[in-house]
Amino acid sequence: MVLGTLIYIGWRAARSQANRPKTRVIGPDDDPEFLWRLSHGDNNPR
């Protein structure tokens, strides 16, 4: 009985990890200000 409970808990934990959304990498194309500076020329370089 105890072994079955441990297996069930482990299976549930593994499933909850699999359903978690992947972290998303934010790139420069996600920054509207960066895109605006690319298209309009950067008069104020940093």
PDB file of N, CA and C in Angstrom:
ATOM      1  N   MET A   1       0.829  -1.203   0.000  1.00  0.00           N
ATOM      2  CA  MET A   1       0.000   0.000   0.000  1.00  0.00           C
ATOM      3  C   MET A   1       0.874   1.268   0.000  1.00  0.00           C
ATOM      4  N   VAL A   2       1.887   1.275   0.851  1.00  0.00           N
ATOM      5  CA  VAL A   2       2.769   2.441   0.939  1.00  0.00           C
ATOM      6  C   VAL A   2       3.513   2.631  -0.378  1.00  0.00           C
ATOM      7  N   LEU A   3       3.980   1.532  -0.961  1.00  0.00           N
ATOM      8  CA  LEU A   3       4.702   1.614  -2.236  1.00  0.00           C
ATOM      9  C   LEU A   3       3.800   2.179  -3.331  1.00  0.00           C
ATOM     10  N   GLY A   4       2.561   1.758  -3.367  1.00  0.00           N
ATOM     11  CA  GLY A   4       1.610   2.281  -4.353  1.00  0.00           C
ATOM     12  C   GLY A   4       1.364   3.769  -4.173  1.00  0.00           C
ATOM     13  N   THR A   5       1.284   4.207  -2.927  1.00  0.00           N
ATOM     14  CA  THR A   5       1.083   5.633  -2.634  1.00  0.00           C
ATOM     15  C   THR A   5       2.279   6.451  -3.103  1.00  0.00           C
ATOM     16  N   LEU A   6       3.493   5.956  -2.832  1.00  0.00           N
ATOM     17  CA  LEU A   6       4.698   6.665  -3.267  1.00  0.00           C
ATOM     18  C   LEU A   6       4.785   6.745  -4.790  1.00  0.00           C
ATOM     19  N   ILE A   7       4.436   5.667  -5.454  1.00  0.00           N
ATOM     20  CA  ILE A   7       4.451   5.673  -6.925  1.00  0.00           C
ATOM     21  C   ILE A   7       3.430   6.676  -7.455  1.00  0.00           C
ATOM     22  N   TYR A   8       2.241   6.693  -6.861  1.00  0.00           N
ATOM     23  CA  TYR A   8       1.200   7.628  -7.296  1.00  0.00           C
ATOM     24  C   TYR A   8       1.638   9.079  -7.095  1.00  0.00           C
ATOM     25  N   ILE A   9       2.224   9.381  -5.934  1.00  0.00           N
ATOM     26  CA  ILE A   9       2.678  10.752  -5.659  1.00  0.00           C
ATOM     27  C   ILE A   9       3.771  11.151  -6.647  1.00  0.00           C
ATOM     28  N   GLY A  10       4.705  10.245  -6.919  1.00  0.00           N
ATOM     29  CA  GLY A  10       5.764  10.530  -7.892  1.00  0.00           C
ATOM     30  C   GLY A  10       5.211  10.752  -9.286  1.00  0.00           C
ATOM     31  N   TRP A  11       4.223   9.958  -9.669  1.00  0.00           N
ATOM     32  CA  TRP A  11       3.610  10.094 -10.995  1.00  0.00           C
ATOM     33  C   TRP A  11       2.897  11.440 -11.118  1.00  0.00           C
ATOM     34  N   ARG A  12       2.187  11.833 -10.054  1.00  0.00           N
ATOM     35  CA  ARG A  12       1.489  13.134 -10.077  1.00  0.00           C
ATOM     36  C   ARG A  12       2.486  14.288 -10.148  1.00  0.00           C
ATOM     37  N   ALA A  13       3.580  14.192  -9.425  1.00  0.00           N
ATOM     38  CA  ALA A  13       4.596  15.250  -9.443  1.00  0.00           C
ATOM     39  C   ALA A  13       5.217  15.362 -10.833  1.00  0.00           C
ATOM     40  N   ALA A  14       5.482  14.229 -11.465  1.00  0.00           N
ATOM     41  CA  ALA A  14       6.071  14.248 -12.812  1.00  0.00           C
ATOM     42  C   ALA A  14       5.097  14.866 -13.810  1.00  0.00           C
ATOM     43  N   ARG A  15       3.823  14.569 -13.679  1.00  0.00           N
ATOM     44  CA  ARG A  15       2.830  15.145 -14.600  1.00  0.00           C
ATOM     45  C   ARG A  15       2.688  16.643 -14.394  1.00  0.00           C
ATOM     46  N   SER A  16       2.764  17.119 -13.153  1.00  0.00           N
ATOM     47  CA  SER A  16       2.619  18.556 -12.914  1.00  0.00           C
ATOM     48  C   SER A  16       3.813  19.309 -13.495  1.00  0.00           C
ATOM     49  N   GLN A  17       4.993  18.723 -13.485  1.00  0.00           N
ATOM     50  CA  GLN A  17       6.170  19.357 -14.088  1.00  0.00           C
ATOM     51  C   GLN A  17       6.022  19.409 -15.604  1.00  0.00           C
ATOM     52  N   ALA A  18       5.458  18.376 -16.209  1.00  0.00           N
ATOM     53  CA  ALA A  18       5.317  18.318 -17.666  1.00  0.00           C
ATOM     54  C   ALA A  18       4.290  19.329 -18.164  1.00  0.00           C
ATOM     55  N   ASN A  19       3.279  19.634 -17.351  1.00  0.00           N
ATOM     56  CA  ASN A  19       2.221  20.546 -17.784  1.00  0.00           C
ATOM     57  C   ASN A  19       2.584  22.008 -17.591  1.00  0.00           C
ATOM     58  N   ARG A  20       3.681  22.269 -16.890  1.00  0.00           N
ATOM     59  CA  ARG A  20       4.090  23.654 -16.626  1.00  0.00           C
ATOM     60  C   ARG A  20       4.560  24.286 -17.938  1.00  0.00           C
ATOM     61  N   PRO A  21       4.102  25.499 -18.260  1.00  0.00           N
ATOM     62  CA  PRO A  21       4.534  26.124 -19.519  1.00  0.00           C
ATOM     63  C   PRO A  21       6.028  26.420 -19.501  1.00  0.00           C
ATOM     64  N   LYS A  22       6.644  26.289 -20.655  1.00  0.00           N
ATOM     65  CA  LYS A  22       8.073  26.564 -20.780  1.00  0.00           C
ATOM     66  C   LYS A  22       8.312  28.066 -20.653  1.00  0.00           C
ATOM     67  N   THR A  23       9.440  28.427 -20.071  1.00  0.00           N
ATOM     68  CA  THR A  23       9.773  29.847 -19.969  1.00  0.00           C
ATOM     69  C   THR A  23      10.148  30.354 -21.351  1.00  0.00           C
ATOM     70  N   ARG A  24       9.769  31.569 -21.644  1.00  0.00           N
ATOM     71  CA  ARG A  24       9.962  32.136 -22.968  1.00  0.00           C
ATOM     72  C   ARG A  24      11.113  33.126 -22.928  1.00  0.00           C
ATOM     73  N   VAL A  25      11.984  33.022 -23.914  1.00  0.00           N
ATOM     74  CA  VAL A  25      13.105  33.952 -24.012  1.00  0.00           C
ATOM     75  C   VAL A  25      12.609  35.213 -24.698  1.00  0.00           C
ATOM     76  N   ILE A  26      12.863  36.357 -24.083  1.00  0.00           N
ATOM     77  CA  ILE A  26      12.432  37.630 -24.653  1.00  0.00           C
ATOM     78  C   ILE A  26      13.572  38.175 -25.495  1.00  0.00           C
ATOM     79  N   GLY A  27      13.295  38.421 -26.757  1.00  0.00           N
ATOM     80  CA  GLY A  27      14.312  38.925 -27.671  1.00  0.00           C
ATOM     81  C   GLY A  27      14.084  40.386 -27.994  1.00  0.00           C
ATOM     82  N   PRO A  28      14.982  40.969 -28.784  1.00  0.00           N
ATOM     83  CA  PRO A  28      14.855  42.391 -29.112  1.00  0.00           C
ATOM     84  C   PRO A  28      13.595  42.715 -29.911  1.00  0.00           C
ATOM     85  N   ASP A  29      13.055  41.727 -30.629  1.00  0.00           N
ATOM     86  CA  ASP A  29      11.842  42.000 -31.404  1.00  0.00           C
ATOM     87  C   ASP A  29      10.617  42.128 -30.508  1.00  0.00           C
ATOM     88  N   ASP A  30      10.747  41.847 -29.217  1.00  0.00           N
ATOM     89  CA  ASP A  30       9.641  42.028 -28.272  1.00  0.00           C
ATOM     90  C   ASP A  30       9.638  43.429 -27.670  1.00  0.00           C
ATOM     91  N   ASP A  31      10.616  44.248 -28.040  1.00  0.00           N
ATOM     92  CA  ASP A  31      10.757  45.591 -27.472  1.00  0.00           C
ATOM     93  C   ASP A  31      10.368  46.624 -28.525  1.00  0.00           C
ATOM     94  N   PRO A  32       9.171  47.214 -28.426  1.00  0.00           N
ATOM     95  CA  PRO A  32       8.719  48.160 -29.451  1.00  0.00           C
ATOM     96  C   PRO A  32       9.638  49.371 -29.582  1.00  0.00           C
ATOM     97  N   GLU A  33      10.219  49.817 -28.469  1.00  0.00           N
ATOM     98  CA  GLU A  33      11.118  50.973 -28.540  1.00  0.00           C
ATOM     99  C   GLU A  33      12.362  50.631 -29.356  1.00  0.00           C
ATOM    100  N   PHE A  34      12.877  49.429 -29.204  1.00  0.00           N
ATOM    101  CA  PHE A  34      14.039  48.990 -29.971  1.00  0.00           C
ATOM    102  C   PHE A  34      13.705  48.953 -31.461  1.00  0.00           C
ATOM    103  N   LEU A  35      12.551  48.410 -31.800  1.00  0.00           N
ATOM    104  CA  LEU A  35      12.151  48.346 -33.211  1.00  0.00           C
ATOM    105  C   LEU A  35      11.965  49.745 -33.785  1.00  0.00           C
ATOM    106  N   TRP A  36      11.404  50.664 -32.998  1.00  0.00           N
ATOM    107  CA  TRP A  36      11.199  52.030 -33.473  1.00  0.00           C
ATOM    108  C   TRP A  36      12.547  52.688 -33.759  1.00  0.00           C
ATOM    109  N   ARG A  37      13.525  52.486 -32.846  1.00  0.00           N
ATOM    110  CA  ARG A  37      14.850  53.079 -33.045  1.00  0.00           C
ATOM    111  C   ARG A  37      15.532  52.495 -34.275  1.00  0.00           C
ATOM    112  N   LEU A  38      15.306  51.232 -34.555  1.00  0.00           N
ATOM    113  CA  LEU A  38      15.901  50.627 -35.751  1.00  0.00           C
ATOM    114  C   LEU A  38      15.345  51.266 -37.017  1.00  0.00           C
ATOM    115  N   SER A  39      14.044  51.500 -37.040  1.00  0.00           N
ATOM    116  CA  SER A  39      13.419  52.001 -38.260  1.00  0.00           C
ATOM    117  C   SER A  39      13.574  53.508 -38.433  1.00  0.00           C
ATOM    118  N   HIS A  40      13.783  54.268 -37.362  1.00  0.00           N
ATOM    119  CA  HIS A  40      13.860  55.724 -37.460  1.00  0.00           C
ATOM    120  C   HIS A  40      15.271  56.274 -37.272  1.00  0.00           C
ATOM    121  N   GLY A  41      16.239  55.416 -37.130  1.00  0.00           N
ATOM    122  CA  GLY A  41      17.597  55.894 -36.899  1.00  0.00           C
ATOM    123  C   GLY A  41      17.756  56.292 -35.448  1.00  0.00           C
ATOM    124  N   ASP A  42      18.891  56.006 -34.893  1.00  0.00           N
ATOM    125  CA  ASP A  42      19.119  56.292 -33.480  1.00  0.00           C
ATOM    126  C   ASP A  42      19.948  57.560 -33.366  1.00  0.00           C
ATOM    127  N   ASN A  43      19.300  58.678 -33.027  1.00  0.00           N
ATOM    128  CA  ASN A  43      19.995  59.955 -32.883  1.00  0.00           C
ATOM    129  C   ASN A  43      20.602  60.121 -31.501  1.00  0.00           C
ATOM    130  N   ASN A  44      20.289  59.214 -30.604  1.00  0.00           N
ATOM    131  CA  ASN A  44      20.775  59.315 -29.232  1.00  0.00           C
ATOM    132  C   ASN A  44      21.376  57.968 -28.818  1.00  0.00           C
ATOM    133  N   PRO A  45      22.540  57.622 -29.373  1.00  0.00           N
ATOM    134  CA  PRO A  45      23.114  56.310 -29.029  1.00  0.00           C
ATOM    135  C   PRO A  45      23.506  56.251 -27.560  1.00  0.00           C
ATOM    136  N   ARG A  46      23.399  55.075 -27.002  1.00  0.00           N
ATOM    137  CA  ARG A  46      23.708  54.922 -25.574  1.00  0.00           C
ATOM    138  C   ARG A  46      25.112  54.423 -25.402  1.00  0.00           C
TER     139      ARG A  46
END
